[in-house]
Structure formats: C-alpha cells, structure tokens
Amino acid sequence: MSNSNLQQLHVLCLQMYQEGKTPTVGILRSKAPFKVSVTEAIEAIKRFNAHKPQLDATGKEAQSAQSTSLNTHRPESLQTRVETLEREVAELKQALLKMMNAQ
C-alpha cells in the first residue's frame, strides 16, 4: 500500500472520529475514494488507533466547546426540534406497522 493511500485513509479515520463515529473496516472501505482491501483498512485503523490518545485530548476540548454552543441555543428551538423528531418517529412506526401487516 502506498504511503499516500495510507495517509488518505488516516485522514478519513480522523474525520469519522471527529464526527463521533468509530472508524471501522467497512465504513472506511466504503468512504475511500479508491479501492481499499480489508488488510489495508485494518492497517490504517491500527495506525489511527496508535495515535488516538493524542486525539482524545483535542476531542474533549471540541466536545466541551460543542456543549457550550448547545447551551446557548434557545430552549424553544430545541423543543421544536424534539417535537419534530417525535413526529417523524411516530410516522416511521406507523409505516413499519403497515409493512409488517402487509406481509
């Protein structure tokens, strides 16, 4: 595996980690802009995990900044978001029940 491919995979792992996702072989292979073998993905994740402790410190700072920004949102907008999500979940449940009853 070329060094540039490994670096690109490492960047993808970092992006996933910053989004709060755990890098996995399947996700890494699907998001890569080039064909990645399982062994290449495993190697990239191993190298990413080796440097993860350094990322944890910056990740905690980012999370605290994000939670601070969430606290500045107006409660009305959060309440609206919750209500919207609850409606969507109810609609999904109804659709799922219809599909299950149709079988």
PDB file of N, CA and C in Angstrom:
ATOM      1  N   MET A   1       0.843  -1.169   0.000  1.00  0.00           N
ATOM      2  CA  MET A   1       0.000   0.000   0.000  1.00  0.00           C
ATOM      3  C   MET A   1       0.885   1.228   0.000  1.00  0.00           C
ATOM      4  N   SER A   2       0.548   2.197  -0.841  1.00  0.00           N
ATOM      5  CA  SER A   2       1.380   3.390  -0.922  1.00  0.00           C
ATOM      6  C   SER A   2       1.143   4.273   0.298  1.00  0.00           C
ATOM      7  N   ASN A   3       2.150   5.081   0.594  1.00  0.00           N
ATOM      8  CA  ASN A   3       2.090   5.951   1.754  1.00  0.00           C
ATOM      9  C   ASN A   3       0.976   6.989   1.613  1.00  0.00           C
ATOM     10  N   SER A   4       0.736   7.482   0.391  1.00  0.00           N
ATOM     11  CA  SER A   4      -0.312   8.487   0.203  1.00  0.00           C
ATOM     12  C   SER A   4      -1.693   7.881   0.436  1.00  0.00           C
ATOM     13  N   ASN A   5      -1.897   6.625   0.021  1.00  0.00           N
ATOM     14  CA  ASN A   5      -3.168   5.956   0.289  1.00  0.00           C
ATOM     15  C   ASN A   5      -3.377   5.784   1.789  1.00  0.00           C
ATOM     16  N   LEU A   6      -2.325   5.398   2.479  1.00  0.00           N
ATOM     17  CA  LEU A   6      -2.413   5.220   3.917  1.00  0.00           C
ATOM     18  C   LEU A   6      -2.731   6.553   4.600  1.00  0.00           C
ATOM     19  N   GLN A   7      -2.122   7.621   4.108  1.00  0.00           N
ATOM     20  CA  GLN A   7      -2.397   8.937   4.677  1.00  0.00           C
ATOM     21  C   GLN A   7      -3.845   9.349   4.424  1.00  0.00           C
ATOM     22  N   GLN A   8      -4.356   9.079   3.242  1.00  0.00           N
ATOM     23  CA  GLN A   8      -5.747   9.404   2.936  1.00  0.00           C
ATOM     24  C   GLN A   8      -6.693   8.617   3.833  1.00  0.00           C
ATOM     25  N   LEU A   9      -6.390   7.345   4.053  1.00  0.00           N
ATOM     26  CA  LEU A   9      -7.222   6.531   4.928  1.00  0.00           C
ATOM     27  C   LEU A   9      -7.161   7.035   6.370  1.00  0.00           C
ATOM     28  N   HIS A  10      -5.975   7.476   6.770  1.00  0.00           N
ATOM     29  CA  HIS A  10      -5.814   8.025   8.115  1.00  0.00           C
ATOM     30  C   HIS A  10      -6.651   9.298   8.273  1.00  0.00           C
ATOM     31  N   VAL A  11      -6.677  10.133   7.260  1.00  0.00           N
ATOM     32  CA  VAL A  11      -7.490  11.352   7.286  1.00  0.00           C
ATOM     33  C   VAL A  11      -8.975  10.992   7.373  1.00  0.00           C
ATOM     34  N   LEU A  12      -9.393   9.974   6.638  1.00  0.00           N
ATOM     35  CA  LEU A  12     -10.784   9.521   6.716  1.00  0.00           C
ATOM     36  C   LEU A  12     -11.123   9.042   8.131  1.00  0.00           C
ATOM     37  N   CYS A  13     -10.199   8.304   8.750  1.00  0.00           N
ATOM     38  CA  CYS A  13     -10.412   7.848  10.123  1.00  0.00           C
ATOM     39  C   CYS A  13     -10.555   9.043  11.062  1.00  0.00           C
ATOM     40  N   LEU A  14      -9.723  10.026  10.873  1.00  0.00           N
ATOM     41  CA  LEU A  14      -9.769  11.227  11.697  1.00  0.00           C
ATOM     42  C   LEU A  14     -11.100  11.958  11.522  1.00  0.00           C
ATOM     43  N   GLN A  15     -11.556  12.073  10.290  1.00  0.00           N
ATOM     44  CA  GLN A  15     -12.839  12.731  10.026  1.00  0.00           C
ATOM     45  C   GLN A  15     -13.978  11.977  10.710  1.00  0.00           C
ATOM     46  N   MET A  16     -13.976  10.656  10.594  1.00  0.00           N
ATOM     47  CA  MET A  16     -15.022   9.858  11.236  1.00  0.00           C
ATOM     48  C   MET A  16     -14.979  10.045  12.752  1.00  0.00           C
ATOM     49  N   TYR A  17     -13.771  10.034  13.294  1.00  0.00           N
ATOM     50  CA  TYR A  17     -13.609  10.180  14.737  1.00  0.00           C
ATOM     51  C   TYR A  17     -14.122  11.539  15.201  1.00  0.00           C
ATOM     52  N   GLN A  18     -13.838  12.583  14.443  1.00  0.00           N
ATOM     53  CA  GLN A  18     -14.299  13.924  14.797  1.00  0.00           C
ATOM     54  C   GLN A  18     -15.810  14.050  14.682  1.00  0.00           C
ATOM     55  N   GLU A  19     -16.428  13.222  13.844  1.00  0.00           N
ATOM     56  CA  GLU A  19     -17.887  13.203  13.721  1.00  0.00           C
ATOM     57  C   GLU A  19     -18.522  12.350  14.812  1.00  0.00           C
ATOM     58  N   GLY A  20     -17.686  11.746  15.650  1.00  0.00           N
ATOM     59  CA  GLY A  20     -18.204  10.918  16.729  1.00  0.00           C
ATOM     60  C   GLY A  20     -18.417   9.472  16.337  1.00  0.00           C
ATOM     61  N   LYS A  21     -17.914   9.084  15.186  1.00  0.00           N
ATOM     62  CA  LYS A  21     -18.058   7.716  14.707  1.00  0.00           C
ATOM     63  C   LYS A  21     -16.761   6.956  14.943  1.00  0.00           C
ATOM     64  N   THR A  22     -16.884   5.678  15.204  1.00  0.00           N
ATOM     65  CA  THR A  22     -15.708   4.832  15.351  1.00  0.00           C
ATOM     66  C   THR A  22     -15.332   4.298  13.970  1.00  0.00           C
ATOM     67  N   PRO A  23     -14.108   4.552  13.537  1.00  0.00           N
ATOM     68  CA  PRO A  23     -13.701   4.035  12.228  1.00  0.00           C
ATOM     69  C   PRO A  23     -13.738   2.511  12.201  1.00  0.00           C
ATOM     70  N   THR A  24     -14.401   1.968  11.203  1.00  0.00           N
ATOM     71  CA  THR A  24     -14.449   0.518  11.018  1.00  0.00           C
ATOM     72  C   THR A  24     -13.970   0.191   9.613  1.00  0.00           C
ATOM     73  N   VAL A  25     -13.634  -1.060   9.405  1.00  0.00           N
ATOM     74  CA  VAL A  25     -13.137  -1.505   8.104  1.00  0.00           C
ATOM     75  C   VAL A  25     -14.177  -1.244   7.020  1.00  0.00           C
ATOM     76  N   GLY A  26     -15.419  -1.610   7.290  1.00  0.00           N
ATOM     77  CA  GLY A  26     -16.478  -1.450   6.291  1.00  0.00           C
ATOM     78  C   GLY A  26     -16.729  -0.009   5.918  1.00  0.00           C
ATOM     79  N   ILE A  27     -16.829   0.849   6.926  1.00  0.00           N
ATOM     80  CA  ILE A  27     -17.082   2.266   6.649  1.00  0.00           C
ATOM     81  C   ILE A  27     -15.893   2.880   5.917  1.00  0.00           C
ATOM     82  N   LEU A  28     -14.705   2.537   6.361  1.00  0.00           N
ATOM     83  CA  LEU A  28     -13.501   3.086   5.735  1.00  0.00           C
ATOM     84  C   LEU A  28     -13.417   2.687   4.264  1.00  0.00           C
ATOM     85  N   ARG A  29     -13.706   1.429   3.993  1.00  0.00           N
ATOM     86  CA  ARG A  29     -13.655   0.958   2.602  1.00  0.00           C
ATOM     87  C   ARG A  29     -14.717   1.646   1.747  1.00  0.00           C
ATOM     88  N   SER A  30     -15.893   1.880   2.326  1.00  0.00           N
ATOM     89  CA  SER A  30     -16.968   2.487   1.530  1.00  0.00           C
ATOM     90  C   SER A  30     -16.741   3.979   1.297  1.00  0.00           C
ATOM     91  N   LYS A  31     -16.076   4.660   2.222  1.00  0.00           N
ATOM     92  CA  LYS A  31     -15.869   6.097   2.080  1.00  0.00           C
ATOM     93  C   LYS A  31     -14.596   6.454   1.313  1.00  0.00           C
ATOM     94  N   ALA A  32     -13.711   5.519   1.155  1.00  0.00           N
ATOM     95  CA  ALA A  32     -12.442   5.798   0.469  1.00  0.00           C
ATOM     96  C   ALA A  32     -12.699   6.091  -1.009  1.00  0.00           C
ATOM     97  N   PRO A  33     -11.972   7.070  -1.557  1.00  0.00           N
ATOM     98  CA  PRO A  33     -12.155   7.418  -2.965  1.00  0.00           C
ATOM     99  C   PRO A  33     -11.455   6.443  -3.921  1.00  0.00           C
ATOM    100  N   PHE A  34     -10.865   5.406  -3.374  1.00  0.00           N
ATOM    101  CA  PHE A  34     -10.177   4.405  -4.176  1.00  0.00           C
ATOM    102  C   PHE A  34     -10.449   3.041  -3.563  1.00  0.00           C
ATOM    103  N   LYS A  35     -10.146   1.999  -4.311  1.00  0.00           N
ATOM    104  CA  LYS A  35     -10.403   0.643  -3.828  1.00  0.00           C
ATOM    105  C   LYS A  35      -9.435   0.309  -2.698  1.00  0.00           C
ATOM    106  N   VAL A  36      -9.998  -0.183  -1.584  1.00  0.00           N
ATOM    107  CA  VAL A  36      -9.211  -0.489  -0.400  1.00  0.00           C
ATOM    108  C   VAL A  36      -9.462  -1.942  -0.012  1.00  0.00           C
ATOM    109  N   SER A  37      -8.391  -2.686   0.175  1.00  0.00           N
ATOM    110  CA  SER A  37      -8.549  -4.072   0.623  1.00  0.00           C
ATOM    111  C   SER A  37      -8.792  -4.079   2.129  1.00  0.00           C
ATOM    112  N   VAL A  38      -9.255  -5.206   2.613  1.00  0.00           N
ATOM    113  CA  VAL A  38      -9.523  -5.346   4.039  1.00  0.00           C
ATOM    114  C   VAL A  38      -8.233  -5.162   4.843  1.00  0.00           C
ATOM    115  N   THR A  39      -7.159  -5.736   4.369  1.00  0.00           N
ATOM    116  CA  THR A  39      -5.893  -5.618   5.102  1.00  0.00           C
ATOM    117  C   THR A  39      -5.392  -4.180   5.135  1.00  0.00           C
ATOM    118  N   GLU A  40      -5.606  -3.441   4.040  1.00  0.00           N
ATOM    119  CA  GLU A  40      -5.205  -2.028   4.031  1.00  0.00           C
ATOM    120  C   GLU A  40      -6.028  -1.224   5.029  1.00  0.00           C
ATOM    121  N   ALA A  41      -7.320  -1.495   5.075  1.00  0.00           N
ATOM    122  CA  ALA A  41      -8.191  -0.776   6.007  1.00  0.00           C
ATOM    123  C   ALA A  41      -7.802  -1.094   7.451  1.00  0.00           C
ATOM    124  N   ILE A  42      -7.504  -2.353   7.707  1.00  0.00           N
ATOM    125  CA  ILE A  42      -7.093  -2.753   9.060  1.00  0.00           C
ATOM    126  C   ILE A  42      -5.804  -2.046   9.452  1.00  0.00           C
ATOM    127  N   GLU A  43      -4.855  -1.994   8.540  1.00  0.00           N
ATOM    128  CA  GLU A  43      -3.583  -1.326   8.815  1.00  0.00           C
ATOM    129  C   GLU A  43      -3.801   0.160   9.113  1.00  0.00           C
ATOM    130  N   ALA A  44      -4.649   0.813   8.334  1.00  0.00           N
ATOM    131  CA  ALA A  44      -4.923   2.243   8.551  1.00  0.00           C
ATOM    132  C   ALA A  44      -5.583   2.469   9.908  1.00  0.00           C
ATOM    133  N   ILE A  45      -6.519   1.598  10.270  1.00  0.00           N
ATOM    134  CA  ILE A  45      -7.200   1.750  11.559  1.00  0.00           C
ATOM    135  C   ILE A  45      -6.235   1.482  12.711  1.00  0.00           C
ATOM    136  N   LYS A  46      -5.336   0.505  12.542  1.00  0.00           N
ATOM    137  CA  LYS A  46      -4.324   0.237  13.572  1.00  0.00           C
ATOM    138  C   LYS A  46      -3.456   1.467  13.799  1.00  0.00           C
ATOM    139  N   ARG A  47      -3.017   2.061  12.713  1.00  0.00           N
ATOM    140  CA  ARG A  47      -2.169   3.255  12.838  1.00  0.00           C
ATOM    141  C   ARG A  47      -2.944   4.422  13.429  1.00  0.00           C
ATOM    142  N   PHE A  48      -4.200   4.545  13.055  1.00  0.00           N
ATOM    143  CA  PHE A  48      -5.041   5.605  13.617  1.00  0.00           C
ATOM    144  C   PHE A  48      -5.195   5.408  15.124  1.00  0.00           C
ATOM    145  N   ASN A  49      -5.490   4.174  15.537  1.00  0.00           N
ATOM    146  CA  ASN A  49      -5.674   3.893  16.955  1.00  0.00           C
ATOM    147  C   ASN A  49      -4.390   4.104  17.756  1.00  0.00           C
ATOM    148  N   ALA A  50      -3.250   3.921  17.131  1.00  0.00           N
ATOM    149  CA  ALA A  50      -1.976   4.134  17.809  1.00  0.00           C
ATOM    150  C   ALA A  50      -1.793   5.602  18.176  1.00  0.00           C
ATOM    151  N   HIS A  51      -2.386   6.497  17.400  1.00  0.00           N
ATOM    152  CA  HIS A  51      -2.273   7.933  17.658  1.00  0.00           C
ATOM    153  C   HIS A  51      -3.520   8.499  18.328  1.00  0.00           C
ATOM    154  N   LYS A  52      -4.452   7.653  18.662  1.00  0.00           N
ATOM    155  CA  LYS A  52      -5.733   8.090  19.211  1.00  0.00           C
ATOM    156  C   LYS A  52      -5.614   8.854  20.538  1.00  0.00           C
ATOM    157  N   PRO A  53      -4.734   8.461  21.481  1.00  0.00           N
ATOM    158  CA  PRO A  53      -4.654   9.207  22.745  1.00  0.00           C
ATOM    159  C   PRO A  53      -4.405  10.691  22.547  1.00  0.00           C
ATOM    160  N   GLN A  54      -3.639  11.057  21.541  1.00  0.00           N
ATOM    161  CA  GLN A  54      -3.405  12.469  21.255  1.00  0.00           C
ATOM    162  C   GLN A  54      -4.687  13.131  20.792  1.00  0.00           C
ATOM    163  N   LEU A  55      -5.502  12.385  20.065  1.00  0.00           N
ATOM    164  CA  LEU A  55      -6.753  12.934  19.563  1.00  0.00           C
ATOM    165  C   LEU A  55      -7.785  13.066  20.674  1.00  0.00           C
ATOM    166  N   ASP A  56      -7.718  12.208  21.689  1.00  0.00           N
ATOM    167  CA  ASP A  56      -8.698  12.260  22.768  1.00  0.00           C
ATOM    168  C   ASP A  56      -8.670  13.603  23.483  1.00  0.00           C
ATOM    169  N   ALA A  57      -7.493  14.152  23.698  1.00  0.00           N
ATOM    170  CA  ALA A  57      -7.396  15.441  24.387  1.00  0.00           C
ATOM    171  C   ALA A  57      -8.048  16.544  23.565  1.00  0.00           C
ATOM    172  N   THR A  58      -7.778  16.572  22.263  1.00  0.00           N
ATOM    173  CA  THR A  58      -8.391  17.605  21.431  1.00  0.00           C
ATOM    174  C   THR A  58      -9.866  17.326  21.235  1.00  0.00           C
ATOM    175  N   GLY A  59     -10.255  16.073  21.245  1.00  0.00           N
ATOM    176  CA  GLY A  59     -11.660  15.719  21.100  1.00  0.00           C
ATOM    177  C   GLY A  59     -12.481  16.196  22.289  1.00  0.00           C
ATOM    178  N   LYS A  60     -11.904  16.094  23.483  1.00  0.00           N
ATOM    179  CA  LYS A  60     -12.611  16.561  24.677  1.00  0.00           C
ATOM    180  C   LYS A  60     -12.802  18.068  24.626  1.00  0.00           C
ATOM    181  N   GLU A  61     -11.803  18.781  24.141  1.00  0.00           N
ATOM    182  CA  GLU A  61     -11.936  20.233  24.011  1.00  0.00           C
ATOM    183  C   GLU A  61     -13.029  20.581  23.015  1.00  0.00           C
ATOM    184  N   ALA A  62     -13.083  19.846  21.918  1.00  0.00           N
ATOM    185  CA  ALA A  62     -14.112  20.102  20.902  1.00  0.00           C
ATOM    186  C   ALA A  62     -15.488  19.787  21.453  1.00  0.00           C
ATOM    187  N   GLN A  63     -15.603  18.708  22.234  1.00  0.00           N
ATOM    188  CA  GLN A  63     -16.900  18.354  22.814  1.00  0.00           C
ATOM    189  C   GLN A  63     -17.357  19.400  23.809  1.00  0.00           C
ATOM    190  N   SER A  64     -16.446  19.930  24.627  1.00  0.00           N
ATOM    191  CA  SER A  64     -16.846  20.946  25.592  1.00  0.00           C
ATOM    192  C   SER A  64     -17.257  22.228  24.877  1.00  0.00           C
ATOM    193  N   ALA A  65     -16.587  22.550  23.783  1.00  0.00           N
ATOM    194  CA  ALA A  65     -16.980  23.720  23.001  1.00  0.00           C
ATOM    195  C   ALA A  65     -18.339  23.510  22.363  1.00  0.00           C
ATOM    196  N   GLN A  66     -18.594  22.291  21.906  1.00  0.00           N
ATOM    197  CA  GLN A  66     -19.875  21.985  21.289  1.00  0.00           C
ATOM    198  C   GLN A  66     -20.985  22.036  22.326  1.00  0.00           C
ATOM    199  N   SER A  67     -20.763  21.504  23.518  1.00  0.00           N
ATOM    200  CA  SER A  67     -21.799  21.536  24.542  1.00  0.00           C
ATOM    201  C   SER A  67     -22.065  22.965  24.993  1.00  0.00           C
ATOM    202  N   THR A  68     -21.029  23.799  25.001  1.00  0.00           N
ATOM    203  CA  THR A  68     -21.225  25.202  25.337  1.00  0.00           C
ATOM    204  C   THR A  68     -22.090  25.881  24.290  1.00  0.00           C
ATOM    205  N   SER A  69     -21.852  25.569  23.018  1.00  0.00           N
ATOM    206  CA  SER A  69     -22.656  26.182  21.970  1.00  0.00           C
ATOM    207  C   SER A  69     -24.093  25.681  22.024  1.00  0.00           C
ATOM    208  N   LEU A  70     -24.318  24.437  22.438  1.00  0.00           N
ATOM    209  CA  LEU A  70     -25.676  23.925  22.577  1.00  0.00           C
ATOM    210  C   LEU A  70     -26.416  24.639  23.699  1.00  0.00           C
ATOM    211  N   ASN A  71     -25.709  24.988  24.750  1.00  0.00           N
ATOM    212  CA  ASN A  71     -26.343  25.666  25.872  1.00  0.00           C
ATOM    213  C   ASN A  71     -26.770  27.071  25.519  1.00  0.00           C
ATOM    214  N   THR A  72     -26.212  27.638  24.482  1.00  0.00           N
ATOM    215  CA  THR A  72     -26.574  28.991  24.097  1.00  0.00           C
ATOM    216  C   THR A  72     -27.799  29.018  23.202  1.00  0.00           C
ATOM    217  N   HIS A  73     -28.252  27.841  22.691  1.00  0.00           N
ATOM    218  CA  HIS A  73     -29.454  27.791  21.869  1.00  0.00           C
ATOM    219  C   HIS A  73     -30.667  28.095  22.729  1.00  0.00           C
ATOM    220  N   ARG A  74     -31.645  28.697  22.114  1.00  0.00           N
ATOM    221  CA  ARG A  74     -32.874  28.987  22.833  1.00  0.00           C
ATOM    222  C   ARG A  74     -33.629  27.686  23.071  1.00  0.00           C
ATOM    223  N   PRO A  75     -34.231  27.546  24.257  1.00  0.00           N
ATOM    224  CA  PRO A  75     -34.978  26.318  24.559  1.00  0.00           C
ATOM    225  C   PRO A  75     -36.139  26.079  23.597  1.00  0.00           C
ATOM    226  N   GLU A  76     -36.727  27.154  23.064  1.00  0.00           N
ATOM    227  CA  GLU A  76     -37.848  26.985  22.145  1.00  0.00           C
ATOM    228  C   GLU A  76     -37.410  26.233  20.892  1.00  0.00           C
ATOM    229  N   SER A  77     -36.241  26.571  20.372  1.00  0.00           N
ATOM    230  CA  SER A  77     -35.790  25.894  19.153  1.00  0.00           C
ATOM    231  C   SER A  77     -35.478  24.425  19.428  1.00  0.00           C
ATOM    232  N   LEU A  78     -34.949  24.122  20.582  1.00  0.00           N
ATOM    233  CA  LEU A  78     -34.681  22.725  20.941  1.00  0.00           C
ATOM    234  C   LEU A  78     -35.993  21.970  21.135  1.00  0.00           C
ATOM    235  N   GLN A  79     -36.965  22.626  21.745  1.00  0.00           N
ATOM    236  CA  GLN A  79     -38.265  21.989  21.941  1.00  0.00           C
ATOM    237  C   GLN A  79     -38.910  21.698  20.588  1.00  0.00           C
ATOM    238  N   THR A  80     -38.779  22.619  19.653  1.00  0.00           N
ATOM    239  CA  THR A  80     -39.327  22.426  18.316  1.00  0.00           C
ATOM    240  C   THR A  80     -38.655  21.244  17.632  1.00  0.00           C
ATOM    241  N   ARG A  81     -37.358  21.142  17.770  1.00  0.00           N
ATOM    242  CA  ARG A  81     -36.618  20.029  17.171  1.00  0.00           C
ATOM    243  C   ARG A  81     -37.071  18.700  17.756  1.00  0.00           C
ATOM    244  N   VAL A  82     -37.258  18.658  19.068  1.00  0.00           N
ATOM    245  CA  VAL A  82     -37.695  17.424  19.722  1.00  0.00           C
ATOM    246  C   VAL A  82     -39.083  17.030  19.220  1.00  0.00           C
ATOM    247  N   GLU A  83     -39.976  17.996  19.131  1.00  0.00           N
ATOM    248  CA  GLU A  83     -41.333  17.706  18.658  1.00  0.00           C
ATOM    249  C   GLU A  83     -41.312  17.181  17.226  1.00  0.00           C
ATOM    250  N   THR A  84     -40.482  17.785  16.388  1.00  0.00           N
ATOM    251  CA  THR A  84     -40.360  17.336  15.003  1.00  0.00           C
ATOM    252  C   THR A  84     -39.849  15.897  14.947  1.00  0.00           C
ATOM    253  N   LEU A  85     -38.829  15.627  15.724  1.00  0.00           N
ATOM    254  CA  LEU A  85     -38.271  14.269  15.749  1.00  0.00           C
ATOM    255  C   LEU A  85     -39.281  13.256  16.277  1.00  0.00           C
ATOM    256  N   GLU A  86     -40.046  13.631  17.284  1.00  0.00           N
ATOM    257  CA  GLU A  86     -41.061  12.722  17.817  1.00  0.00           C
ATOM    258  C   GLU A  86     -42.129  12.421  16.767  1.00  0.00           C
ATOM    259  N   ARG A  87     -42.524  13.436  16.005  1.00  0.00           N
ATOM    260  CA  ARG A  87     -43.498  13.222  14.929  1.00  0.00           C
ATOM    261  C   ARG A  87     -42.940  12.271  13.879  1.00  0.00           C
ATOM    262  N   GLU A  88     -41.685  12.474  13.505  1.00  0.00           N
ATOM    263  CA  GLU A  88     -41.065  11.624  12.492  1.00  0.00           C
ATOM    264  C   GLU A  88     -40.967  10.176  12.973  1.00  0.00           C
ATOM    265  N   VAL A  89     -40.635   9.982  14.243  1.00  0.00           N
ATOM    266  CA  VAL A  89     -40.554   8.623  14.789  1.00  0.00           C
ATOM    267  C   VAL A  89     -41.932   7.974  14.752  1.00  0.00           C
ATOM    268  N   ALA A  90     -42.963   8.722  15.112  1.00  0.00           N
ATOM    269  CA  ALA A  90     -44.323   8.176  15.082  1.00  0.00           C
ATOM    270  C   ALA A  90     -44.708   7.770  13.659  1.00  0.00           C
ATOM    271  N   GLU A  91     -44.354   8.606  12.675  1.00  0.00           N
ATOM    272  CA  GLU A  91     -44.643   8.281  11.277  1.00  0.00           C
ATOM    273  C   GLU A  91     -43.895   7.025  10.830  1.00  0.00           C
ATOM    274  N   LEU A  92     -42.647   6.907  11.241  1.00  0.00           N
ATOM    275  CA  LEU A  92     -41.855   5.723  10.886  1.00  0.00           C
ATOM    276  C   LEU A  92     -42.436   4.464  11.518  1.00  0.00           C
ATOM    277  N   LYS A  93     -42.913   4.584  12.756  1.00  0.00           N
ATOM    278  CA  LYS A  93     -43.526   3.430  13.419  1.00  0.00           C
ATOM    279  C   LYS A  93     -44.783   2.991  12.676  1.00  0.00           C
ATOM    280  N   GLN A  94     -45.592   3.960  12.263  1.00  0.00           N
ATOM    281  CA  GLN A  94     -46.811   3.638  11.527  1.00  0.00           C
ATOM    282  C   GLN A  94     -46.480   2.950  10.204  1.00  0.00           C
ATOM    283  N   ALA A  95     -45.496   3.472   9.496  1.00  0.00           N
ATOM    284  CA  ALA A  95     -45.104   2.882   8.216  1.00  0.00           C
ATOM    285  C   ALA A  95     -44.579   1.461   8.423  1.00  0.00           C
ATOM    286  N   LEU A  96     -43.809   1.258   9.480  1.00  0.00           N
ATOM    287  CA  LEU A  96     -43.281  -0.066   9.773  1.00  0.00           C
ATOM    288  C   LEU A  96     -44.400  -1.049  10.105  1.00  0.00           C
ATOM    289  N   LEU A  97     -45.379  -0.597  10.877  1.00  0.00           N
ATOM    290  CA  LEU A  97     -46.510  -1.466  11.203  1.00  0.00           C
ATOM    291  C   LEU A  97     -47.294  -1.844   9.945  1.00  0.00           C
ATOM    292  N   LYS A  98     -47.486  -0.888   9.047  1.00  0.00           N
ATOM    293  CA  LYS A  98     -48.190  -1.174   7.794  1.00  0.00           C
ATOM    294  C   LYS A  98     -47.431  -2.219   6.992  1.00  0.00           C
ATOM    295  N   MET A  99     -46.113  -2.090   6.940  1.00  0.00           N
ATOM    296  CA  MET A  99     -45.308  -3.042   6.185  1.00  0.00           C
ATOM    297  C   MET A  99     -45.370  -4.428   6.812  1.00  0.00           C
ATOM    298  N   MET A 100     -45.339  -4.474   8.128  1.00  0.00           N
ATOM    299  CA  MET A 100     -45.381  -5.773   8.811  1.00  0.00           C
ATOM    300  C   MET A 100     -46.754  -6.424   8.641  1.00  0.00           C
ATOM    301  N   ASN A 101     -47.819  -5.648   8.658  1.00  0.00           N
ATOM    302  CA  ASN A 101     -49.166  -6.180   8.498  1.00  0.00           C
ATOM    303  C   ASN A 101     -49.416  -6.628   7.052  1.00  0.00           C
ATOM    304  N   ALA A 102     -48.752  -6.007   6.108  1.00  0.00           N
ATOM    305  CA  ALA A 102     -48.929  -6.352   4.692  1.00  0.00           C
ATOM    306  C   ALA A 102     -48.317  -7.716   4.381  1.00  0.00           C
ATOM    307  N   GLN A 103     -47.377  -8.151   5.166  1.00  0.00           N
ATOM    308  CA  GLN A 103     -46.722  -9.434   4.899  1.00  0.00           C
ATOM    309  C   GLN A 103     -47.606 -10.497   5.346  1.00  0.00           C
TER     310      GLN A 103
END
